[in-house]
Each structure stands twice: as structure tokens, then as C-alpha cells.
C-alpha atoms as a PDB file:
ATOM      1  CA  UNK A   1     141.671  68.626 127.719  1.00  0.00           C
ATOM      2  CA  UNK A   2     143.025  67.769 131.148  1.00  0.00           C
ATOM      3  CA  UNK A   3     142.988  64.011 130.555  1.00  0.00           C
ATOM      4  CA  UNK A   4     146.235  63.957 128.562  1.00  0.00           C
ATOM      5  CA  UNK A   5     148.369  65.880 131.103  1.00  0.00           C
ATOM      6  CA  UNK A   6     146.862  63.845 133.947  1.00  0.00           C
ATOM      7  CA  UNK A   7     147.621  60.599 132.133  1.00  0.00           C
ATOM      8  CA  UNK A   8     151.161  61.754 131.405  1.00  0.00           C
ATOM      9  CA  UNK A   9     151.672  62.741 135.032  1.00  0.00           C
ATOM     10  CA  UNK A  10     150.421  59.402 136.266  1.00  0.00           C
ATOM     11  CA  UNK A  11     152.632  57.520 133.818  1.00  0.00           C
ATOM     12  CA  UNK A  12     155.679  59.531 134.758  1.00  0.00           C
ATOM     13  CA  UNK A  13     155.096  59.182 138.467  1.00  0.00           C
ATOM     14  CA  UNK A  14     154.519  55.435 138.276  1.00  0.00           C
ATOM     15  CA  UNK A  15     157.388  53.321 139.460  1.00  0.00           C
ATOM     16  CA  UNK A  16     157.868  50.712 136.768  1.00  0.00           C
ATOM     17  CA  UNK A  17     160.172  48.694 138.945  1.00  0.00           C
ATOM     18  CA  UNK A  18     157.220  47.472 141.047  1.00  0.00           C
ATOM     19  CA  UNK A  19     155.237  46.346 137.984  1.00  0.00           C
ATOM     20  CA  UNK A  20     155.808  42.785 136.872  1.00  0.00           C
ATOM     21  CA  UNK A  21     157.195  43.404 133.380  1.00  0.00           C
ATOM     22  CA  UNK A  22     159.624  41.050 131.742  1.00  0.00           C
ATOM     23  CA  UNK A  23     163.157  42.445 131.682  1.00  0.00           C
ATOM     24  CA  UNK A  24     163.371  42.449 127.856  1.00  0.00           C
ATOM     25  CA  UNK A  25     160.285  44.687 127.462  1.00  0.00           C
ATOM     26  CA  UNK A  26     161.225  47.252 130.108  1.00  0.00           C
ATOM     27  CA  UNK A  27     163.645  49.269 127.882  1.00  0.00           C
ATOM     28  CA  UNK A  28     161.169  49.185 124.974  1.00  0.00           C
ATOM     29  CA  UNK A  29     158.373  50.499 127.188  1.00  0.00           C
ATOM     30  CA  UNK A  30     160.663  53.207 128.533  1.00  0.00           C
ATOM     31  CA  UNK A  31     161.684  54.147 125.006  1.00  0.00           C
ATOM     32  CA  UNK A  32     158.052  54.246 123.783  1.00  0.00           C
ATOM     33  CA  UNK A  33     157.047  56.297 126.821  1.00  0.00           C
ATOM     34  CA  UNK A  34     159.854  58.785 126.210  1.00  0.00           C
ATOM     35  CA  UNK A  35     158.860  59.092 122.534  1.00  0.00           C
ATOM     36  CA  UNK A  36     155.261  59.833 123.454  1.00  0.00           C
ATOM     37  CA  UNK A  37     156.368  62.352 126.054  1.00  0.00           C
ATOM     38  CA  UNK A  38     158.541  64.106 123.468  1.00  0.00           C
ATOM     39  CA  UNK A  39     155.651  64.111 120.963  1.00  0.00           C
ATOM     40  CA  UNK A  40     153.378  65.571 123.614  1.00  0.00           C
ATOM     41  CA  UNK A  41     155.922  68.277 124.475  1.00  0.00           C
ATOM     42  CA  UNK A  42     156.375  69.183 120.816  1.00  0.00           C
ATOM     43  CA  UNK A  43     152.607  69.329 120.271  1.00  0.00           C
ATOM     44  CA  UNK A  44     152.096  71.509 123.339  1.00  0.00           C
ATOM     45  CA  UNK A  45     154.964  73.804 122.327  1.00  0.00           C
ATOM     46  CA  UNK A  46     153.491  74.191 118.821  1.00  0.00           C
ATOM     47  CA  UNK A  47     150.014  74.876 120.228  1.00  0.00           C
ATOM     48  CA  UNK A  48     151.374  77.439 122.679  1.00  0.00           C
ATOM     49  CA  UNK A  49     153.491  79.069 119.976  1.00  0.00           C
ATOM     50  CA  UNK A  50     150.520  79.381 117.621  1.00  0.00           C
ATOM     51  CA  UNK A  51     148.363  80.833 120.426  1.00  0.00           C
ATOM     52  CA  UNK A  52     151.075  83.367 121.321  1.00  0.00           C
ATOM     53  CA  UNK A  53     151.531  84.327 117.669  1.00  0.00           C
ATOM     54  CA  UNK A  54     147.773  84.834 117.285  1.00  0.00           C
ATOM     55  CA  UNK A  55     147.648  86.957 120.447  1.00  0.00           C
ATOM     56  CA  UNK A  56     150.673  88.998 119.340  1.00  0.00           C
ATOM     57  CA  UNK A  57     149.125  89.523 115.901  1.00  0.00           C
ATOM     58  CA  UNK A  58     145.924  90.738 117.514  1.00  0.00           C
ATOM     59  CA  UNK A  59     147.871  93.135 119.750  1.00  0.00           C
ATOM     60  CA  UNK A  60     149.875  94.471 116.805  1.00  0.00           C
ATOM     61  CA  UNK A  61     146.724  94.945 114.725  1.00  0.00           C
ATOM     62  CA  UNK A  62     145.057  96.750 117.619  1.00  0.00           C
ATOM     63  CA  UNK A  63     148.024  99.057 118.117  1.00  0.00           C
ATOM     64  CA  UNK A  64     148.190  99.860 114.380  1.00  0.00           C
ATOM     65  CA  UNK A  65     144.486 100.694 114.359  1.00  0.00           C
ATOM     66  CA  UNK A  66     144.928 102.867 117.464  1.00  0.00           C
ATOM     67  CA  UNK A  67     147.868 104.720 115.892  1.00  0.00           C
ATOM     68  CA  UNK A  68     145.902 105.215 112.709  1.00  0.00           C
ATOM     69  CA  UNK A  69     143.038 106.718 114.706  1.00  0.00           C
ATOM     70  CA  UNK A  70     145.439 109.021 116.555  1.00  0.00           C
ATOM     71  CA  UNK A  71     147.046 110.265 113.356  1.00  0.00           C
ATOM     72  CA  UNK A  72     143.611 111.092 111.957  1.00  0.00           C
ATOM     73  CA  UNK A  73     144.622 110.353 108.407  1.00  0.00           C
ATOM     74  CA  UNK A  74     141.761 111.306 106.092  1.00  0.00           C
ATOM     75  CA  UNK A  75     140.741 108.103 104.391  1.00  0.00           C
ATOM     76  CA  UNK A  76     137.469 109.407 102.985  1.00  0.00           C
ATOM     77  CA  UNK A  77     137.145 110.521  99.417  1.00  0.00           C
ATOM     78  CA  UNK A  78     138.412 114.037  98.741  1.00  0.00           C
ATOM     79  CA  UNK A  79     136.079 116.953  99.117  1.00  0.00           C
ATOM     80  CA  UNK A  80     134.409 118.448  96.083  1.00  0.00           C
ATOM     81  CA  UNK A  81     136.138 121.360  94.386  1.00  0.00           C
ATOM     82  CA  UNK A  82     134.609 124.805  94.693  1.00  0.00           C
ATOM     83  CA  UNK A  83     132.126 125.820  92.044  1.00  0.00           C
ATOM     84  CA  UNK A  84     133.482 128.390  89.589  1.00  0.00           C
ATOM     85  CA  UNK A  85     131.918 131.836  89.442  1.00  0.00           C
ATOM     86  CA  UNK A  86     129.230 132.677  86.913  1.00  0.00           C
ATOM     87  CA  UNK A  87     130.642 132.429  83.409  1.00  0.00           C
ATOM     88  CA  UNK A  88     129.751 135.207  80.942  1.00  0.00           C
ATOM     89  CA  UNK A  89     127.687 134.090  77.997  1.00  0.00           C
ATOM     90  CA  UNK A  90     129.379 133.998  74.608  1.00  0.00           C
ATOM     91  CA  UNK A  91     126.402 135.573  72.817  1.00  0.00           C
ATOM     92  CA  UNK A  92     126.106 139.216  73.840  1.00  0.00           C
ATOM     93  CA  UNK A  93     123.524 140.277  71.216  1.00  0.00           C
ATOM     94  CA  UNK A  94     120.188 141.325  72.647  1.00  0.00           C
ATOM     95  CA  UNK A  95     117.198 139.158  71.837  1.00  0.00           C
ATOM     96  CA  UNK A  96     114.743 140.756  69.344  1.00  0.00           C
ATOM     97  CA  UNK A  97     111.894 139.439  67.186  1.00  0.00           C
ATOM     98  CA  UNK A  98     112.707 137.999  63.789  1.00  0.00           C
ATOM     99  CA  UNK A  99     109.990 140.068  62.036  1.00  0.00           C
ATOM    100  CA  UNK A 100     108.648 143.482  62.904  1.00  0.00           C
ATOM    101  CA  UNK A 101     104.911 144.035  63.196  1.00  0.00           C
ATOM    102  CA  UNK A 102     104.838 145.846  59.848  1.00  0.00           C
ATOM    103  CA  UNK A 103     106.544 142.890  58.161  1.00  0.00           C
ATOM    104  CA  UNK A 104     104.138 140.436  59.754  1.00  0.00           C
ATOM    105  CA  UNK A 105     101.200 142.550  58.659  1.00  0.00           C
ATOM    106  CA  UNK A 106     102.405 142.708  55.056  1.00  0.00           C
ATOM    107  CA  UNK A 107     103.101 138.936  55.054  1.00  0.00           C
ATOM    108  CA  UNK A 108      99.594 138.214  56.300  1.00  0.00           C
ATOM    109  CA  UNK A 109      98.062 140.514  53.714  1.00  0.00           C
ATOM    110  CA  UNK A 110     100.079 138.851  50.959  1.00  0.00           C
ATOM    111  CA  UNK A 111      99.097 135.347  52.094  1.00  0.00           C
ATOM    112  CA  UNK A 112      95.413 136.375  52.279  1.00  0.00           C
ATOM    113  CA  UNK A 113      95.550 137.856  48.800  1.00  0.00           C
ATOM    114  CA  UNK A 114      97.227 134.764  47.400  1.00  0.00           C
ATOM    115  CA  UNK A 115      94.620 132.543  49.046  1.00  0.00           C
ATOM    116  CA  UNK A 116      91.797 134.650  47.680  1.00  0.00           C
ATOM    117  CA  UNK A 117      93.291 134.641  44.194  1.00  0.00           C
ATOM    118  CA  UNK A 118      93.605 130.867  44.195  1.00  0.00           C
ATOM    119  CA  UNK A 119      90.073 130.537  45.546  1.00  0.00           C
ATOM    120  CA  UNK A 120      88.685 132.807  42.818  1.00  0.00           C
ATOM    121  CA  UNK A 121      90.610 130.889  40.158  1.00  0.00           C
ATOM    122  CA  UNK A 122      89.103 127.636  41.395  1.00  0.00           C
ATOM    123  CA  UNK A 123      85.617 129.161  41.385  1.00  0.00           C
ATOM    124  CA  UNK A 124      86.056 130.430  37.823  1.00  0.00           C
ATOM    125  CA  UNK A 125      87.233 127.007  36.716  1.00  0.00           C
ATOM    126  CA  UNK A 126      84.201 125.358  38.272  1.00  0.00           C
ATOM    127  CA  UNK A 127      81.891 127.903  36.701  1.00  0.00           C
ATOM    128  CA  UNK A 128      83.530 127.347  33.336  1.00  0.00           C
ATOM    129  CA  UNK A 129      83.231 123.575  33.654  1.00  0.00           C
ATOM    130  CA  UNK A 130      79.595 123.866  34.626  1.00  0.00           C
ATOM    131  CA  UNK A 131      78.897 126.095  31.558  1.00  0.00           C
ATOM    132  CA  UNK A 132      80.597 123.623  29.286  1.00  0.00           C
ATOM    133  CA  UNK A 133      78.602 120.689  30.628  1.00  0.00           C
ATOM    134  CA  UNK A 134      75.310 122.639  30.391  1.00  0.00           C
ATOM    135  CA  UNK A 135      76.011 123.568  26.748  1.00  0.00           C
ATOM    136  CA  UNK A 136      76.805 119.990  25.888  1.00  0.00           C
ATOM    137  CA  UNK A 137      73.559 118.724  27.384  1.00  0.00           C
ATOM    138  CA  UNK A 138      71.395 121.088  25.286  1.00  0.00           C
END
């Protein structure tokens, strides 16, 4: 990191008149040295500029974040709406049994009678079939 500036300083401070360089090469060396110095200056300027831009960007970002925190802008999702009051039911008829006890009793009696009738019919049929088969065997 420090080698390049040190080398440049030593090259610039060197007195080329004391060095045994042929006269025809001296202007070319000077020209090449000046080109390299200009390239170095441009490179350093670009590096410094990019560092300063990065630092300025960081400062700007920090100040925007600080202002945002000071303004206390709500960035969370919105709060939930309030729950509505209890809604009245659409059906206002009171609940009652489908059948009264008297109806249930009569239905049960009817179903028992029907069951008994069918059972008796089946028994009579069996008895009649058994009589027929016993008559045929004799």
C-alpha cells in the first residue's frame, strides 16, 4: 500500500541529470515517468472519490433512518377492526318438540299393533303350511 507512493516519491526526487542516460532516451524516460505519475494520480483520485461517495451514502442512509425513527411512522400492519356487537338471530321462534307425548304414545301403539298383526299373519301362514304338508303325508 505504501510501496507505490514511496516509489513515486523516490523517482520524483531523483535527479536524472546525475544518472548516465543517453541524451536521446532522457525525454522518453521523462515522458513515460510523467504518464505513470498522471495514471497514478487519476487512480488515486478515483479511489478517493469512490471512498468519499461510499461514506457519504452511508451518512445519508443513517440520517434517513434516524429521521424515520424520529417521525415514528407506523410501518406495522394495521390494527384489527373492532368486533361488532352481538347480532340478533334471524329465527325468533321458540324451540319445541316435533311431536307431543300423546302423539308419540299413539305412534308407538300403532307400530306395536302393526308389528303384532304381521307377526300373527306369519304364524297363521306357517300353521297353514304345516297343516297342508301333514295332510299330504297321510
